[in-house]
Amino acid sequence: MKLKLDLHDIFNRGHDIDRALRGIMDEAVAKKATLVEIIPGKGSGQLKKRVLRFLDQKEVKQLYHRVEKDSKNFGRLFVHFRWK
């Protein structure tokens, strides 16, 4: 199962970004999704950095297996999950 989060609409609302990221991670855990696609968009890269900082938090990092930056599209990240 693959989930997708597009942050284009809420790029300038900090609390909404954190809430959306937390929500998609919780949904991925609940549904045991194997992949979450997060689209911060290309822009200046500030939103992508914010997403990466969120994913690097200790309590969030425990939830997923690895993060992949899309080599073909700078404005897209993949978060991979491994379930036993």
PDB file of N, CA and C in Angstrom:
ATOM      1  N   MET A   1       0.843  -1.182   0.000  1.00  0.00           N
ATOM      2  CA  MET A   1       0.000   0.000   0.000  1.00  0.00           C
ATOM      3  C   MET A   1       0.885   1.241   0.000  1.00  0.00           C
ATOM      4  N   LYS A   2       0.492   2.222  -0.783  1.00  0.00           N
ATOM      5  CA  LYS A   2       1.244   3.471  -0.912  1.00  0.00           C
ATOM      6  C   LYS A   2       0.347   4.639  -0.522  1.00  0.00           C
ATOM      7  N   LEU A   3       0.856   5.515   0.332  1.00  0.00           N
ATOM      8  CA  LEU A   3       0.132   6.720   0.722  1.00  0.00           C
ATOM      9  C   LEU A   3       0.854   7.927   0.141  1.00  0.00           C
ATOM     10  N   LYS A   4       0.113   9.006  -0.061  1.00  0.00           N
ATOM     11  CA  LYS A   4       0.683  10.189  -0.692  1.00  0.00           C
ATOM     12  C   LYS A   4       0.267  11.443   0.072  1.00  0.00           C
ATOM     13  N   LEU A   5       1.226  12.355   0.290  1.00  0.00           N
ATOM     14  CA  LEU A   5       0.954  13.625   0.953  1.00  0.00           C
ATOM     15  C   LEU A   5       1.542  14.750   0.107  1.00  0.00           C
ATOM     16  N   ASP A   6       0.680  15.631  -0.362  1.00  0.00           N
ATOM     17  CA  ASP A   6       1.110  16.776  -1.170  1.00  0.00           C
ATOM     18  C   ASP A   6       1.044  18.032  -0.291  1.00  0.00           C
ATOM     19  N   LEU A   7       2.185  18.672  -0.081  1.00  0.00           N
ATOM     20  CA  LEU A   7       2.255  19.831   0.807  1.00  0.00           C
ATOM     21  C   LEU A   7       2.142  21.167   0.080  1.00  0.00           C
ATOM     22  N   HIS A   8       1.838  21.156  -1.209  1.00  0.00           N
ATOM     23  CA  HIS A   8       1.752  22.406  -1.971  1.00  0.00           C
ATOM     24  C   HIS A   8       0.748  23.397  -1.368  1.00  0.00           C
ATOM     25  N   ASP A   9      -0.392  22.901  -0.912  1.00  0.00           N
ATOM     26  CA  ASP A   9      -1.459  23.783  -0.441  1.00  0.00           C
ATOM     27  C   ASP A   9      -1.166  24.425   0.909  1.00  0.00           C
ATOM     28  N   ILE A  10      -0.312  23.801   1.718  1.00  0.00           N
ATOM     29  CA  ILE A  10      -0.082  24.311   3.077  1.00  0.00           C
ATOM     30  C   ILE A  10       1.377  24.704   3.305  1.00  0.00           C
ATOM     31  N   PHE A  11       2.078  25.048   2.237  1.00  0.00           N
ATOM     32  CA  PHE A  11       3.508  25.313   2.313  1.00  0.00           C
ATOM     33  C   PHE A  11       3.893  26.415   3.290  1.00  0.00           C
ATOM     34  N   ASN A  12       2.998  27.369   3.559  1.00  0.00           N
ATOM     35  CA  ASN A  12       3.345  28.505   4.409  1.00  0.00           C
ATOM     36  C   ASN A  12       2.669  28.474   5.776  1.00  0.00           C
ATOM     37  N   ARG A  13       2.112  27.341   6.172  1.00  0.00           N
ATOM     38  CA  ARG A  13       1.444  27.222   7.471  1.00  0.00           C
ATOM     39  C   ARG A  13       2.135  26.136   8.287  1.00  0.00           C
ATOM     40  N   GLY A  14       3.062  26.548   9.136  1.00  0.00           N
ATOM     41  CA  GLY A  14       3.926  25.640   9.884  1.00  0.00           C
ATOM     42  C   GLY A  14       3.206  24.566  10.676  1.00  0.00           C
ATOM     43  N   HIS A  15       2.196  24.962  11.451  1.00  0.00           N
ATOM     44  CA  HIS A  15       1.492  23.978  12.283  1.00  0.00           C
ATOM     45  C   HIS A  15       0.734  22.968  11.433  1.00  0.00           C
ATOM     46  N   ASP A  16       0.166  23.433  10.332  1.00  0.00           N
ATOM     47  CA  ASP A  16      -0.562  22.526   9.433  1.00  0.00           C
ATOM     48  C   ASP A  16       0.393  21.522   8.784  1.00  0.00           C
ATOM     49  N   ILE A  17       1.613  21.962   8.471  1.00  0.00           N
ATOM     50  CA  ILE A  17       2.601  21.060   7.878  1.00  0.00           C
ATOM     51  C   ILE A  17       2.946  19.952   8.861  1.00  0.00           C
ATOM     52  N   ASP A  18       3.252  20.335  10.107  1.00  0.00           N
ATOM     53  CA  ASP A  18       3.582  19.338  11.123  1.00  0.00           C
ATOM     54  C   ASP A  18       2.416  18.390  11.376  1.00  0.00           C
ATOM     55  N   ARG A  19       1.197  18.937  11.413  1.00  0.00           N
ATOM     56  CA  ARG A  19       0.008  18.113  11.643  1.00  0.00           C
ATOM     57  C   ARG A  19      -0.198  17.122  10.487  1.00  0.00           C
ATOM     58  N   ALA A  20       0.003  17.597   9.261  1.00  0.00           N
ATOM     59  CA  ALA A  20      -0.165  16.731   8.091  1.00  0.00           C
ATOM     60  C   ALA A  20       0.888  15.616   8.082  1.00  0.00           C
ATOM     61  N   LEU A  21       2.130  15.968   8.402  1.00  0.00           N
ATOM     62  CA  LEU A  21       3.202  14.961   8.437  1.00  0.00           C
ATOM     63  C   LEU A  21       2.938  13.925   9.521  1.00  0.00           C
ATOM     64  N   ARG A  22       2.549  14.392  10.699  1.00  0.00           N
ATOM     65  CA  ARG A  22       2.244  13.467  11.798  1.00  0.00           C
ATOM     66  C   ARG A  22       1.074  12.563  11.406  1.00  0.00           C
ATOM     67  N   GLY A  23       0.055  13.145  10.773  1.00  0.00           N
ATOM     68  CA  GLY A  23      -1.117  12.373  10.362  1.00  0.00           C
ATOM     69  C   GLY A  23      -0.784  11.295   9.347  1.00  0.00           C
ATOM     70  N   ILE A  24       0.032  11.614   8.352  1.00  0.00           N
ATOM     71  CA  ILE A  24       0.360  10.621   7.323  1.00  0.00           C
ATOM     72  C   ILE A  24       1.227   9.511   7.911  1.00  0.00           C
ATOM     73  N   MET A  25       2.109   9.846   8.847  1.00  0.00           N
ATOM     74  CA  MET A  25       2.948   8.821   9.488  1.00  0.00           C
ATOM     75  C   MET A  25       2.078   7.898  10.347  1.00  0.00           C
ATOM     76  N   ASP A  26       1.140   8.483  11.098  1.00  0.00           N
ATOM     77  CA  ASP A  26       0.233   7.675  11.922  1.00  0.00           C
ATOM     78  C   ASP A  26      -0.642   6.776  11.049  1.00  0.00           C
ATOM     79  N   GLU A  27      -1.109   7.317   9.933  1.00  0.00           N
ATOM     80  CA  GLU A  27      -1.936   6.529   9.013  1.00  0.00           C
ATOM     81  C   GLU A  27      -1.131   5.377   8.405  1.00  0.00           C
ATOM     82  N   ALA A  28       0.116   5.641   8.062  1.00  0.00           N
ATOM     83  CA  ALA A  28       0.981   4.599   7.497  1.00  0.00           C
ATOM     84  C   ALA A  28       1.192   3.476   8.499  1.00  0.00           C
ATOM     85  N   VAL A  29       1.387   3.828   9.757  1.00  0.00           N
ATOM     86  CA  VAL A  29       1.575   2.811  10.794  1.00  0.00           C
ATOM     87  C   VAL A  29       0.289   2.018  10.994  1.00  0.00           C
ATOM     88  N   ALA A  30      -0.839   2.717  11.057  1.00  0.00           N
ATOM     89  CA  ALA A  30      -2.128   2.056  11.291  1.00  0.00           C
ATOM     90  C   ALA A  30      -2.492   1.104  10.151  1.00  0.00           C
ATOM     91  N   LYS A  31      -2.213   1.510   8.911  1.00  0.00           N
ATOM     92  CA  LYS A  31      -2.568   0.690   7.746  1.00  0.00           C
ATOM     93  C   LYS A  31      -1.430  -0.217   7.292  1.00  0.00           C
ATOM     94  N   LYS A  32      -0.279  -0.129   7.988  1.00  0.00           N
ATOM     95  CA  LYS A  32       0.916  -0.901   7.631  1.00  0.00           C
ATOM     96  C   LYS A  32       1.304  -0.689   6.165  1.00  0.00           C
ATOM     97  N   ALA A  33       1.328   0.579   5.770  1.00  0.00           N
ATOM     98  CA  ALA A  33       1.717   0.949   4.405  1.00  0.00           C
ATOM     99  C   ALA A  33       3.203   0.673   4.218  1.00  0.00           C
ATOM    100  N   THR A  34       3.589   0.316   3.022  1.00  0.00           N
ATOM    101  CA  THR A  34       5.005   0.057   2.741  1.00  0.00           C
ATOM    102  C   THR A  34       5.726   1.305   2.266  1.00  0.00           C
ATOM    103  N   LEU A  35       4.969   2.284   1.761  1.00  0.00           N
ATOM    104  CA  LEU A  35       5.593   3.474   1.193  1.00  0.00           C
ATOM    105  C   LEU A  35       4.709   4.700   1.386  1.00  0.00           C
ATOM    106  N   VAL A  36       5.338   5.812   1.777  1.00  0.00           N
ATOM    107  CA  VAL A  36       4.655   7.101   1.829  1.00  0.00           C
ATOM    108  C   VAL A  36       5.415   8.046   0.909  1.00  0.00           C
ATOM    109  N   GLU A  37       4.707   8.650  -0.021  1.00  0.00           N
ATOM    110  CA  GLU A  37       5.291   9.632  -0.929  1.00  0.00           C
ATOM    111  C   GLU A  37       4.932  11.021  -0.413  1.00  0.00           C
ATOM    112  N   ILE A  38       5.944  11.827  -0.107  1.00  0.00           N
ATOM    113  CA  ILE A  38       5.722  13.183   0.382  1.00  0.00           C
ATOM    114  C   ILE A  38       6.221  14.150  -0.688  1.00  0.00           C
ATOM    115  N   ILE A  39       5.341  15.069  -1.080  1.00  0.00           N
ATOM    116  CA  ILE A  39       5.680  16.019  -2.138  1.00  0.00           C
ATOM    117  C   ILE A  39       5.740  17.426  -1.543  1.00  0.00           C
ATOM    118  N   PRO A  40       6.960  17.876  -1.177  1.00  0.00           N
ATOM    119  CA  PRO A  40       7.080  19.249  -0.692  1.00  0.00           C
ATOM    120  C   PRO A  40       7.165  20.254  -1.835  1.00  0.00           C
ATOM    121  N   GLY A  41       7.416  19.791  -3.035  1.00  0.00           N
ATOM    122  CA  GLY A  41       7.552  20.676  -4.187  1.00  0.00           C
ATOM    123  C   GLY A  41       8.999  21.117  -4.358  1.00  0.00           C
ATOM    124  N   LYS A  42       9.290  21.716  -5.482  1.00  0.00           N
ATOM    125  CA  LYS A  42      10.668  22.101  -5.800  1.00  0.00           C
ATOM    126  C   LYS A  42      11.053  23.385  -5.082  1.00  0.00           C
ATOM    127  N   GLY A  43      10.545  24.491  -5.465  1.00  0.00           N
ATOM    128  CA  GLY A  43      10.776  25.764  -4.779  1.00  0.00           C
ATOM    129  C   GLY A  43      12.215  26.009  -4.373  1.00  0.00           C
ATOM    130  N   SER A  44      12.388  26.644  -3.206  1.00  0.00           N
ATOM    131  CA  SER A  44      13.722  26.989  -2.718  1.00  0.00           C
ATOM    132  C   SER A  44      14.351  25.853  -1.923  1.00  0.00           C
ATOM    133  N   GLY A  45      13.548  24.841  -1.586  1.00  0.00           N
ATOM    134  CA  GLY A  45      14.063  23.706  -0.829  1.00  0.00           C
ATOM    135  C   GLY A  45      13.836  23.808   0.665  1.00  0.00           C
ATOM    136  N   GLN A  46      13.275  24.932   1.132  1.00  0.00           N
ATOM    137  CA  GLN A  46      13.060  25.117   2.564  1.00  0.00           C
ATOM    138  C   GLN A  46      12.025  24.139   3.120  1.00  0.00           C
ATOM    139  N   LEU A  47      10.958  23.897   2.372  1.00  0.00           N
ATOM    140  CA  LEU A  47       9.929  22.970   2.829  1.00  0.00           C
ATOM    141  C   LEU A  47      10.478  21.543   2.882  1.00  0.00           C
ATOM    142  N   LYS A  48      11.273  21.177   1.896  1.00  0.00           N
ATOM    143  CA  LYS A  48      11.887  19.847   1.884  1.00  0.00           C
ATOM    144  C   LYS A  48      12.802  19.682   3.100  1.00  0.00           C
ATOM    145  N   LYS A  49      13.561  20.729   3.434  1.00  0.00           N
ATOM    146  CA  LYS A  49      14.424  20.671   4.614  1.00  0.00           C
ATOM    147  C   LYS A  49      13.603  20.502   5.880  1.00  0.00           C
ATOM    148  N   ARG A  50      12.472  21.191   5.936  1.00  0.00           N
ATOM    149  CA  ARG A  50      11.599  21.074   7.113  1.00  0.00           C
ATOM    150  C   ARG A  50      11.061  19.658   7.245  1.00  0.00           C
ATOM    151  N   VAL A  51      10.655  19.054   6.123  1.00  0.00           N
ATOM    152  CA  VAL A  51      10.156  17.673   6.131  1.00  0.00           C
ATOM    153  C   VAL A  51      11.265  16.717   6.587  1.00  0.00           C
ATOM    154  N   LEU A  52      12.473  16.903   6.075  1.00  0.00           N
ATOM    155  CA  LEU A  52      13.590  16.038   6.462  1.00  0.00           C
ATOM    156  C   LEU A  52      13.916  16.186   7.951  1.00  0.00           C
ATOM    157  N   ARG A  53      13.837  17.417   8.471  1.00  0.00           N
ATOM    158  CA  ARG A  53      14.058  17.620   9.917  1.00  0.00           C
ATOM    159  C   ARG A  53      12.985  16.916  10.730  1.00  0.00           C
ATOM    160  N   PHE A  54      11.723  16.968  10.251  1.00  0.00           N
ATOM    161  CA  PHE A  54      10.632  16.266  10.934  1.00  0.00           C
ATOM    162  C   PHE A  54      10.913  14.763  10.959  1.00  0.00           C
ATOM    163  N   LEU A  55      11.317  14.219   9.808  1.00  0.00           N
ATOM    164  CA  LEU A  55      11.573  12.776   9.715  1.00  0.00           C
ATOM    165  C   LEU A  55      12.786  12.357  10.529  1.00  0.00           C
ATOM    166  N   ASP A  56      13.667  13.291  10.840  1.00  0.00           N
ATOM    167  CA  ASP A  56      14.886  12.989  11.582  1.00  0.00           C
ATOM    168  C   ASP A  56      14.676  13.014  13.104  1.00  0.00           C
ATOM    169  N   GLN A  57      13.505  13.409  13.557  1.00  0.00           N
ATOM    170  CA  GLN A  57      13.218  13.407  14.990  1.00  0.00           C
ATOM    171  C   GLN A  57      13.238  11.978  15.518  1.00  0.00           C
ATOM    172  N   LYS A  58      13.756  11.812  16.727  1.00  0.00           N
ATOM    173  CA  LYS A  58      13.947  10.476  17.304  1.00  0.00           C
ATOM    174  C   LYS A  58      12.662   9.640  17.314  1.00  0.00           C
ATOM    175  N   GLU A  59      11.558  10.239  17.779  1.00  0.00           N
ATOM    176  CA  GLU A  59      10.313   9.470  17.895  1.00  0.00           C
ATOM    177  C   GLU A  59       9.704   9.144  16.534  1.00  0.00           C
ATOM    178  N   VAL A  60       9.986   9.958  15.532  1.00  0.00           N
ATOM    179  CA  VAL A  60       9.476   9.698  14.185  1.00  0.00           C
ATOM    180  C   VAL A  60      10.368   8.688  13.473  1.00  0.00           C
ATOM    181  N   LYS A  61      11.667   8.805  13.681  1.00  0.00           N
ATOM    182  CA  LYS A  61      12.640   7.937  13.013  1.00  0.00           C
ATOM    183  C   LYS A  61      12.423   6.463  13.349  1.00  0.00           C
ATOM    184  N   GLN A  62      11.887   6.191  14.532  1.00  0.00           N
ATOM    185  CA  GLN A  62      11.622   4.820  14.968  1.00  0.00           C
ATOM    186  C   GLN A  62      10.514   4.157  14.149  1.00  0.00           C
ATOM    187  N   LEU A  63       9.684   4.953  13.495  1.00  0.00           N
ATOM    188  CA  LEU A  63       8.512   4.422  12.805  1.00  0.00           C
ATOM    189  C   LEU A  63       8.822   3.840  11.426  1.00  0.00           C
ATOM    190  N   TYR A  64       9.851   4.366  10.745  1.00  0.00           N
ATOM    191  CA  TYR A  64      10.093   3.975   9.361  1.00  0.00           C
ATOM    192  C   TYR A  64      11.452   3.319   9.187  1.00  0.00           C
ATOM    193  N   HIS A  65      11.648   2.714   8.013  1.00  0.00           N
ATOM    194  CA  HIS A  65      12.885   2.013   7.702  1.00  0.00           C
ATOM    195  C   HIS A  65      13.928   2.943   7.089  1.00  0.00           C
ATOM    196  N   ARG A  66      13.554   3.692   6.028  1.00  0.00           N
ATOM    197  CA  ARG A  66      14.510   4.599   5.377  1.00  0.00           C
ATOM    198  C   ARG A  66      13.773   5.668   4.583  1.00  0.00           C
ATOM    199  N   VAL A  67      14.513   6.753   4.283  1.00  0.00           N
ATOM    200  CA  VAL A  67      13.999   7.850   3.457  1.00  0.00           C
ATOM    201  C   VAL A  67      14.800   7.862   2.165  1.00  0.00           C
ATOM    202  N   GLU A  68      14.093   7.992   1.048  1.00  0.00           N
ATOM    203  CA  GLU A  68      14.741   8.044  -0.267  1.00  0.00           C
ATOM    204  C   GLU A  68      14.383   9.371  -0.931  1.00  0.00           C
ATOM    205  N   LYS A  69      15.393  10.084  -1.375  1.00  0.00           N
ATOM    206  CA  LYS A  69      15.161  11.303  -2.150  1.00  0.00           C
ATOM    207  C   LYS A  69      15.084  10.893  -3.609  1.00  0.00           C
ATOM    208  N   ASP A  70      14.024  11.274  -4.278  1.00  0.00           N
ATOM    209  CA  ASP A  70      13.810  10.895  -5.675  1.00  0.00           C
ATOM    210  C   ASP A  70      14.895  11.526  -6.554  1.00  0.00           C
ATOM    211  N   SER A  71      15.645  10.697  -7.251  1.00  0.00           N
ATOM    212  CA  SER A  71      16.741  11.194  -8.090  1.00  0.00           C
ATOM    213  C   SER A  71      16.234  11.895  -9.352  1.00  0.00           C
ATOM    214  N   LYS A  72      15.016  11.597  -9.775  1.00  0.00           N
ATOM    215  CA  LYS A  72      14.470  12.192 -10.991  1.00  0.00           C
ATOM    216  C   LYS A  72      13.629  13.438 -10.722  1.00  0.00           C
ATOM    217  N   ASN A  73      13.186  13.598  -9.469  1.00  0.00           N
ATOM    218  CA  ASN A  73      12.309  14.721  -9.123  1.00  0.00           C
ATOM    219  C   ASN A  73      12.741  15.291  -7.770  1.00  0.00           C
ATOM    220  N   PHE A  74      13.390  16.439  -7.790  1.00  0.00           N
ATOM    221  CA  PHE A  74      13.912  17.073  -6.579  1.00  0.00           C
ATOM    222  C   PHE A  74      12.816  17.340  -5.552  1.00  0.00           C
ATOM    223  N   GLY A  75      11.591  17.537  -5.978  1.00  0.00           N
ATOM    224  CA  GLY A  75      10.499  17.916  -5.086  1.00  0.00           C
ATOM    225  C   GLY A  75       9.707  16.759  -4.529  1.00  0.00           C
ATOM    226  N   ARG A  76      10.340  15.598  -4.390  1.00  0.00           N
ATOM    227  CA  ARG A  76       9.594  14.425  -3.919  1.00  0.00           C
ATOM    228  C   ARG A  76      10.489  13.559  -3.028  1.00  0.00           C
ATOM    229  N   LEU A  77       9.893  13.038  -1.943  1.00  0.00           N
ATOM    230  CA  LEU A  77      10.588  12.142  -1.019  1.00  0.00           C
ATOM    231  C   LEU A  77       9.765  10.869  -0.850  1.00  0.00           C
ATOM    232  N   PHE A  78      10.448   9.758  -0.645  1.00  0.00           N
ATOM    233  CA  PHE A  78       9.776   8.495  -0.349  1.00  0.00           C
ATOM    234  C   PHE A  78      10.208   8.032   1.038  1.00  0.00           C
ATOM    235  N   VAL A  79       9.248   7.639   1.856  1.00  0.00           N
ATOM    236  CA  VAL A  79       9.534   7.085   3.171  1.00  0.00           C
ATOM    237  C   VAL A  79       9.132   5.619   3.110  1.00  0.00           C
ATOM    238  N   HIS A  80      10.105   4.744   3.318  1.00  0.00           N
ATOM    239  CA  HIS A  80       9.873   3.300   3.239  1.00  0.00           C
ATOM    240  C   HIS A  80       9.667   2.718   4.627  1.00  0.00           C
ATOM    241  N   PHE A  81       8.714   1.807   4.737  1.00  0.00           N
ATOM    242  CA  PHE A  81       8.421   1.123   5.989  1.00  0.00           C
ATOM    243  C   PHE A  81       8.707  -0.371   5.808  1.00  0.00           C
ATOM    244  N   ARG A  82       9.113  -1.001   6.898  1.00  0.00           N
ATOM    245  CA  ARG A  82       9.328  -2.442   6.885  1.00  0.00           C
ATOM    246  C   ARG A  82       8.511  -3.037   8.027  1.00  0.00           C
ATOM    247  N   TRP A  83       7.625  -3.940   7.684  1.00  0.00           N
ATOM    248  CA  TRP A  83       6.747  -4.568   8.693  1.00  0.00           C
ATOM    249  C   TRP A  83       7.109  -6.034   8.844  1.00  0.00           C
ATOM    250  N   LYS A  84       7.068  -6.514  10.079  1.00  0.00           N
ATOM    251  CA  LYS A  84       7.407  -7.925  10.352  1.00  0.00           C
ATOM    252  C   LYS A  84       6.156  -8.765  10.439  1.00  0.00           C
TER     253      LYS A  84
END
